[in-house]
Amino acid sequence: EVIPAGGYRIEYATADLYATPADSRPDIPCLAEAQMTQTFYERMY
């Protein structure tokens, strides 16, 4: 909703971040960036 309405650009989107190991997709550097650290709530979830 928000991104298409604003004309913004998506680089990467996933509904399950850890379903794809970052080292299996070196072509998506932001995947490793997103997986390299976790918040307290993230670990709980």
All heavy atoms as atom14 arrays in JSON, in Angstrom:
{
  "sequence": "EVIPAGGYRIEYATADLYATPADSRPDIPCLAEAQMTQTFYERMY",
  "atom14_mask": [
    [1, 1, 1, 1, 1, 1, 1, 1, 1, 0, 0, 0, 0, 0],
    [1, 1, 1, 1, 1, 1, 1, 0, 0, 0, 0, 0, 0, 0],
    [1, 1, 1, 1, 1, 1, 1, 1, 0, 0, 0, 0, 0, 0],
    [1, 1, 1, 1, 1, 1, 1, 0, 0, 0, 0, 0, 0, 0],
    [1, 1, 1, 1, 1, 0, 0, 0, 0, 0, 0, 0, 0, 0],
    [1, 1, 1, 1, 0, 0, 0, 0, 0, 0, 0, 0, 0, 0],
    [1, 1, 1, 1, 0, 0, 0, 0, 0, 0, 0, 0, 0, 0],
    [1, 1, 1, 1, 1, 1, 1, 1, 1, 1, 1, 1, 0, 0],
    [1, 1, 1, 1, 1, 1, 1, 1, 1, 1, 1, 0, 0, 0],
    [1, 1, 1, 1, 1, 1, 1, 1, 0, 0, 0, 0, 0, 0],
    [1, 1, 1, 1, 1, 1, 1, 1, 1, 0, 0, 0, 0, 0],
    [1, 1, 1, 1, 1, 1, 1, 1, 1, 1, 1, 1, 0, 0],
    [1, 1, 1, 1, 1, 0, 0, 0, 0, 0, 0, 0, 0, 0],
    [1, 1, 1, 1, 1, 1, 1, 0, 0, 0, 0, 0, 0, 0],
    [1, 1, 1, 1, 1, 0, 0, 0, 0, 0, 0, 0, 0, 0],
    [1, 1, 1, 1, 1, 1, 1, 1, 0, 0, 0, 0, 0, 0],
    [1, 1, 1, 1, 1, 1, 1, 1, 0, 0, 0, 0, 0, 0],
    [1, 1, 1, 1, 1, 1, 1, 1, 1, 1, 1, 1, 0, 0],
    [1, 1, 1, 1, 1, 0, 0, 0, 0, 0, 0, 0, 0, 0],
    [1, 1, 1, 1, 1, 1, 1, 0, 0, 0, 0, 0, 0, 0],
    [1, 1, 1, 1, 1, 1, 1, 0, 0, 0, 0, 0, 0, 0],
    [1, 1, 1, 1, 1, 0, 0, 0, 0, 0, 0, 0, 0, 0],
    [1, 1, 1, 1, 1, 1, 1, 1, 0, 0, 0, 0, 0, 0],
    [1, 1, 1, 1, 1, 1, 0, 0, 0, 0, 0, 0, 0, 0],
    [1, 1, 1, 1, 1, 1, 1, 1, 1, 1, 1, 0, 0, 0],
    [1, 1, 1, 1, 1, 1, 1, 0, 0, 0, 0, 0, 0, 0],
    [1, 1, 1, 1, 1, 1, 1, 1, 0, 0, 0, 0, 0, 0],
    [1, 1, 1, 1, 1, 1, 1, 1, 0, 0, 0, 0, 0, 0],
    [1, 1, 1, 1, 1, 1, 1, 0, 0, 0, 0, 0, 0, 0],
    [1, 1, 1, 1, 1, 1, 0, 0, 0, 0, 0, 0, 0, 0],
    [1, 1, 1, 1, 1, 1, 1, 1, 0, 0, 0, 0, 0, 0],
    [1, 1, 1, 1, 1, 0, 0, 0, 0, 0, 0, 0, 0, 0],
    [1, 1, 1, 1, 1, 1, 1, 1, 1, 0, 0, 0, 0, 0],
    [1, 1, 1, 1, 1, 0, 0, 0, 0, 0, 0, 0, 0, 0],
    [1, 1, 1, 1, 1, 1, 1, 1, 1, 0, 0, 0, 0, 0],
    [1, 1, 1, 1, 1, 1, 1, 1, 0, 0, 0, 0, 0, 0],
    [1, 1, 1, 1, 1, 1, 1, 0, 0, 0, 0, 0, 0, 0],
    [1, 1, 1, 1, 1, 1, 1, 1, 1, 0, 0, 0, 0, 0],
    [1, 1, 1, 1, 1, 1, 1, 0, 0, 0, 0, 0, 0, 0],
    [1, 1, 1, 1, 1, 1, 1, 1, 1, 1, 1, 0, 0, 0],
    [1, 1, 1, 1, 1, 1, 1, 1, 1, 1, 1, 1, 0, 0],
    [1, 1, 1, 1, 1, 1, 1, 1, 1, 0, 0, 0, 0, 0],
    [1, 1, 1, 1, 1, 1, 1, 1, 1, 1, 1, 0, 0, 0],
    [1, 1, 1, 1, 1, 1, 1, 1, 0, 0, 0, 0, 0, 0],
    [1, 1, 1, 1, 1, 1, 1, 1, 1, 1, 1, 1, 0, 0]
  ],
  "atom14_positions": [
    [[0.81, -1.22, 0.0], [0.0, 0.0, 0.0], [0.85, 1.27, 0.0], [0.74, 2.1, -0.91], [-0.95, 0.0, 1.22], [-1.97, -1.12, 1.21], [-2.92, -1.05, 2.38], [-3.32, 0.09, 2.75], [-3.27, -2.1, 2.94], [0.0, 0.0, 0.0], [0.0, 0.0, 0.0], [0.0, 0.0, 0.0], [0.0, 0.0, 0.0], [0.0, 0.0, 0.0]],
    [[1.69, 1.42, 1.01], [2.43, 2.68, 1.17], [3.44, 2.9, 0.05], [3.49, 3.98, -0.55], [3.14, 2.7, 2.53], [3.99, 3.98, 2.66], [2.14, 2.63, 3.67], [0.0, 0.0, 0.0], [0.0, 0.0, 0.0], [0.0, 0.0, 0.0], [0.0, 0.0, 0.0], [0.0, 0.0, 0.0], [0.0, 0.0, 0.0], [0.0, 0.0, 0.0]],
    [[4.24, 1.91, -0.23], [5.32, 2.07, -1.21], [4.77, 2.33, -2.62], [5.21, 3.27, -3.29], [6.28, 0.87, -1.16], [7.06, 0.92, 0.16], [7.22, 0.86, -2.35], [7.98, -0.25, 0.38], [0.0, 0.0, 0.0], [0.0, 0.0, 0.0], [0.0, 0.0, 0.0], [0.0, 0.0, 0.0], [0.0, 0.0, 0.0], [0.0, 0.0, 0.0]],
    [[3.81, 1.54, -3.11], [3.25, 1.85, -4.45], [2.57, 3.22, -4.5], [2.73, 3.95, -5.48], [2.25, 0.72, -4.69], [2.7, -0.39, -3.81], [3.25, 0.28, -2.59], [0.0, 0.0, 0.0], [0.0, 0.0, 0.0], [0.0, 0.0, 0.0], [0.0, 0.0, 0.0], [0.0, 0.0, 0.0], [0.0, 0.0, 0.0], [0.0, 0.0, 0.0]],
    [[1.84, 3.58, -3.44], [1.13, 4.86, -3.44], [2.09, 6.04, -3.47], [1.8, 7.08, -4.07], [0.23, 4.95, -2.21], [0.0, 0.0, 0.0], [0.0, 0.0, 0.0], [0.0, 0.0, 0.0], [0.0, 0.0, 0.0], [0.0, 0.0, 0.0], [0.0, 0.0, 0.0], [0.0, 0.0, 0.0], [0.0, 0.0, 0.0], [0.0, 0.0, 0.0]],
    [[3.25, 5.88, -2.83], [4.22, 6.97, -2.8], [5.19, 6.96, -3.96], [6.0, 7.88, -4.1], [0.0, 0.0, 0.0], [0.0, 0.0, 0.0], [0.0, 0.0, 0.0], [0.0, 0.0, 0.0], [0.0, 0.0, 0.0], [0.0, 0.0, 0.0], [0.0, 0.0, 0.0], [0.0, 0.0, 0.0], [0.0, 0.0, 0.0], [0.0, 0.0, 0.0]],
    [[5.13, 5.93, -4.79], [6.07, 5.83, -5.9], [7.48, 5.51, -5.44], [8.45, 5.87, -6.09], [0.0, 0.0, 0.0], [0.0, 0.0, 0.0], [0.0, 0.0, 0.0], [0.0, 0.0, 0.0], [0.0, 0.0, 0.0], [0.0, 0.0, 0.0], [0.0, 0.0, 0.0], [0.0, 0.0, 0.0], [0.0, 0.0, 0.0], [0.0, 0.0, 0.0]],
    [[7.59, 4.82, -4.3], [8.89, 4.49, -3.75], [9.42, 3.2, -4.36], [8.69, 2.48, -5.06], [8.8, 4.37, -2.23], [8.17, 5.59, -1.58], [7.2, 5.45, -0.57], [8.51, 6.88, -1.98], [6.61, 6.56, 0.01], [7.92, 8.0, -1.4], [6.97, 7.82, -0.4], [6.39, 8.92, 0.17], [0.0, 0.0, 0.0], [0.0, 0.0, 0.0]],
    [[10.68, 2.89, -4.08], [11.32, 1.75, -4.72], [11.74, 0.7, -3.7], [12.42, 1.02, -2.72], [12.56, 2.21, -5.51], [13.32, 1.07, -6.19], [14.41, 1.6, -7.1], [15.48, 2.25, -6.37], [16.54, 1.62, -5.86], [16.65, 0.3, -5.98], [17.49, 2.29, -5.24], [0.0, 0.0, 0.0], [0.0, 0.0, 0.0], [0.0, 0.0, 0.0]],
    [[11.36, -0.54, -3.94], [11.76, -1.66, -3.1], [13.04, -2.28, -3.65], [13.13, -2.58, -4.84], [10.66, -2.73, -3.04], [9.41, -2.18, -2.33], [11.16, -3.98, -2.32], [8.25, -3.16, -2.32], [0.0, 0.0, 0.0], [0.0, 0.0, 0.0], [0.0, 0.0, 0.0], [0.0, 0.0, 0.0], [0.0, 0.0, 0.0], [0.0, 0.0, 0.0]],
    [[14.02, -2.47, -2.8], [15.23, -3.21, -3.2], [15.07, -4.69, -2.9], [15.46, -5.54, -3.71], [16.46, -2.67, -2.47], [17.73, -3.43, -2.84], [18.97, -2.83, -2.23], [19.12, -1.59, -2.28], [19.8, -3.59, -1.69], [0.0, 0.0, 0.0], [0.0, 0.0, 0.0], [0.0, 0.0, 0.0], [0.0, 0.0, 0.0], [0.0, 0.0, 0.0]],
    [[14.5, -5.0, -1.74], [14.34, -6.4, -1.37], [13.21, -6.53, -0.36], [13.06, -5.7, 0.53], [15.63, -6.96, -0.78], [15.55, -8.44, -0.48], [15.58, -9.37, -1.51], [15.44, -8.89, 0.83], [15.5, -10.74, -1.24], [15.36, -10.25, 1.11], [15.39, -11.17, 0.06], [15.3, -12.51, 0.33], [0.0, 0.0, 0.0], [0.0, 0.0, 0.0]],
    [[12.41, -7.59, -0.5], [11.33, -7.85, 0.44], [11.19, -9.34, 0.62], [11.27, -10.11, -0.35], [10.01, -7.26, -0.07], [0.0, 0.0, 0.0], [0.0, 0.0, 0.0], [0.0, 0.0, 0.0], [0.0, 0.0, 0.0], [0.0, 0.0, 0.0], [0.0, 0.0, 0.0], [0.0, 0.0, 0.0], [0.0, 0.0, 0.0], [0.0, 0.0, 0.0]],
    [[11.0, -9.77, 1.87], [10.77, -11.18, 2.15], [9.84, -11.31, 3.34], [9.94, -10.55, 4.31], [12.08, -11.94, 2.44], [11.77, -13.29, 2.8], [12.88, -11.3, 3.56], [0.0, 0.0, 0.0], [0.0, 0.0, 0.0], [0.0, 0.0, 0.0], [0.0, 0.0, 0.0], [0.0, 0.0, 0.0], [0.0, 0.0, 0.0], [0.0, 0.0, 0.0]],
    [[8.94, -12.27, 3.27], [8.01, -12.53, 4.37], [8.6, -13.5, 5.39], [7.98, -13.77, 6.41], [6.69, -13.09, 3.83], [0.0, 0.0, 0.0], [0.0, 0.0, 0.0], [0.0, 0.0, 0.0], [0.0, 0.0, 0.0], [0.0, 0.0, 0.0], [0.0, 0.0, 0.0], [0.0, 0.0, 0.0], [0.0, 0.0, 0.0], [0.0, 0.0, 0.0]],
    [[9.81, -14.02, 5.11], [10.48, -14.92, 6.05], [11.98, -14.73, 5.89], [12.63, -15.41, 5.08], [10.07, -16.37, 5.78], [10.53, -17.32, 6.89], [11.35, -16.9, 7.73], [10.06, -18.47, 6.91], [0.0, 0.0, 0.0], [0.0, 0.0, 0.0], [0.0, 0.0, 0.0], [0.0, 0.0, 0.0], [0.0, 0.0, 0.0], [0.0, 0.0, 0.0]],
    [[12.53, -13.82, 6.66], [13.92, -13.4, 6.51], [14.91, -14.55, 6.59], [15.86, -14.61, 5.81], [14.24, -12.35, 7.58], [15.69, -11.87, 7.69], [16.14, -11.21, 6.4], [15.84, -10.91, 8.86], [0.0, 0.0, 0.0], [0.0, 0.0, 0.0], [0.0, 0.0, 0.0], [0.0, 0.0, 0.0], [0.0, 0.0, 0.0], [0.0, 0.0, 0.0]],
    [[14.68, -15.48, 7.5], [15.67, -16.52, 7.75], [15.43, -17.8, 6.95], [16.14, -18.79, 7.11], [15.74, -16.82, 9.24], [16.23, -15.62, 10.04], [15.33, -14.79, 10.69], [17.58, -15.3, 10.08], [15.77, -13.67, 11.39], [18.03, -14.19, 10.77], [17.12, -13.37, 11.42], [17.56, -12.27, 12.1], [0.0, 0.0, 0.0], [0.0, 0.0, 0.0]],
    [[14.43, -17.75, 6.06], [14.2, -18.91, 5.2], [15.3, -19.05, 4.16], [15.54, -20.14, 3.64], [12.85, -18.78, 4.51], [0.0, 0.0, 0.0], [0.0, 0.0, 0.0], [0.0, 0.0, 0.0], [0.0, 0.0, 0.0], [0.0, 0.0, 0.0], [0.0, 0.0, 0.0], [0.0, 0.0, 0.0], [0.0, 0.0, 0.0], [0.0, 0.0, 0.0]],
    [[15.96, -17.95, 3.86], [17.05, -17.94, 2.89], [18.35, -17.57, 3.57], [18.52, -16.42, 4.0], [16.77, -16.93, 1.76], [15.52, -17.22, 1.15], [17.88, -16.95, 0.72], [0.0, 0.0, 0.0], [0.0, 0.0, 0.0], [0.0, 0.0, 0.0], [0.0, 0.0, 0.0], [0.0, 0.0, 0.0], [0.0, 0.0, 0.0], [0.0, 0.0, 0.0]],
    [[19.29, -18.5, 3.74], [20.58, -18.17, 4.36], [21.31, -17.1, 3.55], [21.37, -17.19, 2.31], [21.34, -19.5, 4.34], [20.28, -20.54, 4.22], [19.19, -19.93, 3.4], [0.0, 0.0, 0.0], [0.0, 0.0, 0.0], [0.0, 0.0, 0.0], [0.0, 0.0, 0.0], [0.0, 0.0, 0.0], [0.0, 0.0, 0.0], [0.0, 0.0, 0.0]],
    [[21.84, -16.13, 4.23], [22.49, -15.02, 3.53], [23.66, -15.49, 2.68], [23.89, -14.96, 1.59], [22.95, -13.98, 4.55], [0.0, 0.0, 0.0], [0.0, 0.0, 0.0], [0.0, 0.0, 0.0], [0.0, 0.0, 0.0], [0.0, 0.0, 0.0], [0.0, 0.0, 0.0], [0.0, 0.0, 0.0], [0.0, 0.0, 0.0], [0.0, 0.0, 0.0]],
    [[24.4, -16.49, 3.16], [25.57, -16.93, 2.39], [25.2, -17.67, 1.11], [26.05, -17.91, 0.26], [26.49, -17.79, 3.26], [25.79, -19.0, 3.86], [24.62, -19.28, 3.48], [26.41, -19.69, 4.7], [0.0, 0.0, 0.0], [0.0, 0.0, 0.0], [0.0, 0.0, 0.0], [0.0, 0.0, 0.0], [0.0, 0.0, 0.0], [0.0, 0.0, 0.0]],
    [[23.91, -18.03, 0.96], [23.46, -18.68, -0.27], [23.05, -17.66, -1.32], [22.82, -18.03, -2.47], [22.28, -19.6, 0.03], [21.11, -18.87, 0.33], [0.0, 0.0, 0.0], [0.0, 0.0, 0.0], [0.0, 0.0, 0.0], [0.0, 0.0, 0.0], [0.0, 0.0, 0.0], [0.0, 0.0, 0.0], [0.0, 0.0, 0.0], [0.0, 0.0, 0.0]],
    [[22.95, -16.38, -0.93], [22.55, -15.33, -1.88], [23.48, -14.14, -1.77], [23.11, -13.06, -1.29], [21.11, -14.89, -1.61], [20.05, -15.95, -1.88], [20.04, -16.42, -3.34], [19.9, -15.31, -4.28], [18.73, -14.85, -4.71], [17.61, -15.4, -4.27], [18.68, -13.87, -5.58], [0.0, 0.0, 0.0], [0.0, 0.0, 0.0], [0.0, 0.0, 0.0]],
    [[24.75, -14.3, -2.19], [25.7, -13.17, -2.14], [25.28, -12.02, -3.04], [25.79, -10.9, -2.92], [27.02, -13.79, -2.59], [26.61, -14.99, -3.4], [25.37, -15.51, -2.73], [0.0, 0.0, 0.0], [0.0, 0.0, 0.0], [0.0, 0.0, 0.0], [0.0, 0.0, 0.0], [0.0, 0.0, 0.0], [0.0, 0.0, 0.0], [0.0, 0.0, 0.0]],
    [[24.34, -12.28, -3.96], [23.85, -11.23, -4.85], [22.88, -10.29, -4.14], [22.48, -9.28, -4.71], [23.15, -11.85, -6.07], [22.0, -12.78, -5.66], [22.21, -13.58, -4.73], [20.93, -12.7, -6.28], [0.0, 0.0, 0.0], [0.0, 0.0, 0.0], [0.0, 0.0, 0.0], [0.0, 0.0, 0.0], [0.0, 0.0, 0.0], [0.0, 0.0, 0.0]],
    [[22.49, -10.63, -2.9], [21.58, -9.77, -2.13], [22.31, -9.37, -0.85], [22.09, -9.94, 0.24], [20.27, -10.5, -1.78], [19.64, -11.11, -3.03], [19.28, -9.53, -1.12], [18.39, -11.92, -2.76], [0.0, 0.0, 0.0], [0.0, 0.0, 0.0], [0.0, 0.0, 0.0], [0.0, 0.0, 0.0], [0.0, 0.0, 0.0], [0.0, 0.0, 0.0]],
    [[23.21, -8.38, -0.9], [24.01, -8.02, 0.28], [23.17, -7.56, 1.47], [23.58, -7.76, 2.62], [24.91, -6.89, -0.24], [24.26, -6.39, -1.49], [23.58, -7.59, -2.08], [0.0, 0.0, 0.0], [0.0, 0.0, 0.0], [0.0, 0.0, 0.0], [0.0, 0.0, 0.0], [0.0, 0.0, 0.0], [0.0, 0.0, 0.0], [0.0, 0.0, 0.0]],
    [[22.0, -6.97, 1.23], [21.2, -6.5, 2.35], [20.64, -7.66, 3.17], [20.28, -7.49, 4.33], [20.07, -5.6, 1.87], [18.81, -6.41, 0.85], [0.0, 0.0, 0.0], [0.0, 0.0, 0.0], [0.0, 0.0, 0.0], [0.0, 0.0, 0.0], [0.0, 0.0, 0.0], [0.0, 0.0, 0.0], [0.0, 0.0, 0.0], [0.0, 0.0, 0.0]],
    [[20.61, -8.86, 2.58], [20.12, -10.03, 3.31], [21.07, -10.36, 4.45], [20.64, -10.63, 5.58], [20.01, -11.22, 2.35], [19.22, -12.44, 2.83], [17.79, -12.06, 3.16], [19.23, -13.52, 1.75], [0.0, 0.0, 0.0], [0.0, 0.0, 0.0], [0.0, 0.0, 0.0], [0.0, 0.0, 0.0], [0.0, 0.0, 0.0], [0.0, 0.0, 0.0]],
    [[22.36, -10.33, 4.18], [23.35, -10.57, 5.23], [23.29, -9.48, 6.28], [23.4, -9.74, 7.48], [24.75, -10.65, 4.62], [0.0, 0.0, 0.0], [0.0, 0.0, 0.0], [0.0, 0.0, 0.0], [0.0, 0.0, 0.0], [0.0, 0.0, 0.0], [0.0, 0.0, 0.0], [0.0, 0.0, 0.0], [0.0, 0.0, 0.0], [0.0, 0.0, 0.0]],
    [[23.1, -8.26, 5.84], [23.01, -7.13, 6.75], [21.84, -7.29, 7.71], [21.95, -7.02, 8.91], [22.86, -5.83, 5.94], [22.89, -4.56, 6.76], [22.79, -3.32, 5.89], [22.36, -3.44, 4.73], [23.13, -2.25, 6.38], [0.0, 0.0, 0.0], [0.0, 0.0, 0.0], [0.0, 0.0, 0.0], [0.0, 0.0, 0.0], [0.0, 0.0, 0.0]],
    [[20.7, -7.76, 7.19], [19.51, -7.9, 8.0], [19.6, -9.08, 8.95], [18.96, -9.1, 10.01], [18.28, -8.06, 7.11], [0.0, 0.0, 0.0], [0.0, 0.0, 0.0], [0.0, 0.0, 0.0], [0.0, 0.0, 0.0], [0.0, 0.0, 0.0], [0.0, 0.0, 0.0], [0.0, 0.0, 0.0], [0.0, 0.0, 0.0], [0.0, 0.0, 0.0]],
    [[20.41, -10.08, 8.59], [20.51, -11.29, 9.42], [21.64, -11.24, 10.43], [21.68, -12.06, 11.36], [20.7, -12.52, 8.52], [19.5, -12.89, 7.67], [19.72, -14.15, 6.86], [20.74, -14.83, 6.98], [18.77, -14.47, 6.0], [0.0, 0.0, 0.0], [0.0, 0.0, 0.0], [0.0, 0.0, 0.0], [0.0, 0.0, 0.0], [0.0, 0.0, 0.0]],
    [[22.54, -10.28, 10.31], [23.76, -10.33, 11.11], [23.56, -9.99, 12.59], [24.41, -10.3, 13.42], [24.84, -9.43, 10.51], [24.56, -7.95, 10.57], [25.96, -6.95, 9.98], [26.28, -7.62, 8.36], [0.0, 0.0, 0.0], [0.0, 0.0, 0.0], [0.0, 0.0, 0.0], [0.0, 0.0, 0.0], [0.0, 0.0, 0.0], [0.0, 0.0, 0.0]],
    [[22.46, -9.36, 12.93], [22.21, -9.08, 14.35], [20.71, -9.13, 14.61], [19.9, -8.95, 13.69], [22.79, -7.71, 14.75], [22.71, -7.56, 16.17], [22.04, -6.57, 14.08], [0.0, 0.0, 0.0], [0.0, 0.0, 0.0], [0.0, 0.0, 0.0], [0.0, 0.0, 0.0], [0.0, 0.0, 0.0], [0.0, 0.0, 0.0], [0.0, 0.0, 0.0]],
    [[20.35, -9.38, 15.86], [18.95, -9.55, 16.22], [18.63, -8.75, 17.48], [19.46, -8.63, 18.37], [18.63, -11.03, 16.47], [18.84, -11.92, 15.26], [18.72, -13.4, 15.58], [18.56, -13.79, 16.74], [18.81, -14.23, 14.56], [0.0, 0.0, 0.0], [0.0, 0.0, 0.0], [0.0, 0.0, 0.0], [0.0, 0.0, 0.0], [0.0, 0.0, 0.0]],
    [[17.4, -8.23, 17.54], [16.95, -7.52, 18.73], [16.48, -8.55, 19.78], [16.31, -9.73, 19.49], [15.77, -6.59, 18.43], [14.61, -7.38, 18.13], [16.07, -5.67, 17.25], [0.0, 0.0, 0.0], [0.0, 0.0, 0.0], [0.0, 0.0, 0.0], [0.0, 0.0, 0.0], [0.0, 0.0, 0.0], [0.0, 0.0, 0.0], [0.0, 0.0, 0.0]],
    [[16.25, -8.06, 20.98], [15.71, -8.9, 22.05], [14.39, -9.52, 21.62], [14.17, -10.72, 21.8], [15.53, -8.05, 23.31], [14.72, -8.72, 24.39], [15.3, -9.64, 25.24], [13.37, -8.44, 24.53], [14.56, -10.27, 26.23], [12.61, -9.06, 25.52], [13.2, -9.98, 26.37], [0.0, 0.0, 0.0], [0.0, 0.0, 0.0], [0.0, 0.0, 0.0]],
    [[13.5, -8.69, 21.05], [12.19, -9.19, 20.64], [12.32, -10.16, 19.47], [11.57, -11.14, 19.38], [11.27, -8.02, 20.27], [10.86, -7.21, 21.47], [11.38, -5.95, 21.69], [9.96, -7.73, 22.39], [11.01, -5.21, 22.81], [9.57, -6.99, 23.51], [10.11, -5.74, 23.71], [9.74, -5.01, 24.82], [0.0, 0.0, 0.0], [0.0, 0.0, 0.0]],
    [[13.25, -9.91, 18.58], [13.44, -10.8, 17.44], [13.83, -12.2, 17.91], [13.29, -13.2, 17.43], [14.51, -10.23, 16.51], [14.72, -11.02, 15.24], [15.66, -10.32, 14.28], [16.15, -9.22, 14.62], [15.9, -10.87, 13.2], [0.0, 0.0, 0.0], [0.0, 0.0, 0.0], [0.0, 0.0, 0.0], [0.0, 0.0, 0.0], [0.0, 0.0, 0.0]],
    [[14.75, -12.28, 18.85], [15.15, -13.59, 19.38], [13.97, -14.28, 20.05], [13.82, -15.5, 19.95], [16.31, -13.4, 20.37], [17.61, -12.94, 19.72], [18.78, -13.01, 20.67], [18.65, -12.07, 21.79], [19.07, -10.83, 21.77], [19.64, -10.33, 20.68], [18.92, -10.05, 22.83], [0.0, 0.0, 0.0], [0.0, 0.0, 0.0], [0.0, 0.0, 0.0]],
    [[13.15, -13.5, 20.73], [11.97, -14.06, 21.39], [10.99, -14.61, 20.36], [10.47, -15.72, 20.51], [11.29, -12.99, 22.24], [10.08, -13.46, 23.02], [9.42, -12.16, 24.09], [8.8, -11.01, 22.85], [0.0, 0.0, 0.0], [0.0, 0.0, 0.0], [0.0, 0.0, 0.0], [0.0, 0.0, 0.0], [0.0, 0.0, 0.0], [0.0, 0.0, 0.0]],
    [[10.75, -13.84, 19.29], [9.82, -14.29, 18.25], [10.34, -15.52, 17.53], [9.58, -16.44, 17.19], [9.57, -13.17, 17.25], [8.89, -11.95, 17.85], [9.26, -10.68, 17.44], [7.9, -12.08, 18.82], [8.65, -9.55, 17.98], [7.29, -10.96, 19.36], [7.66, -9.7, 18.94], [7.07, -8.6, 19.49], [0.0, 0.0, 0.0], [0.0, 0.0, 0.0]]
  ]
}
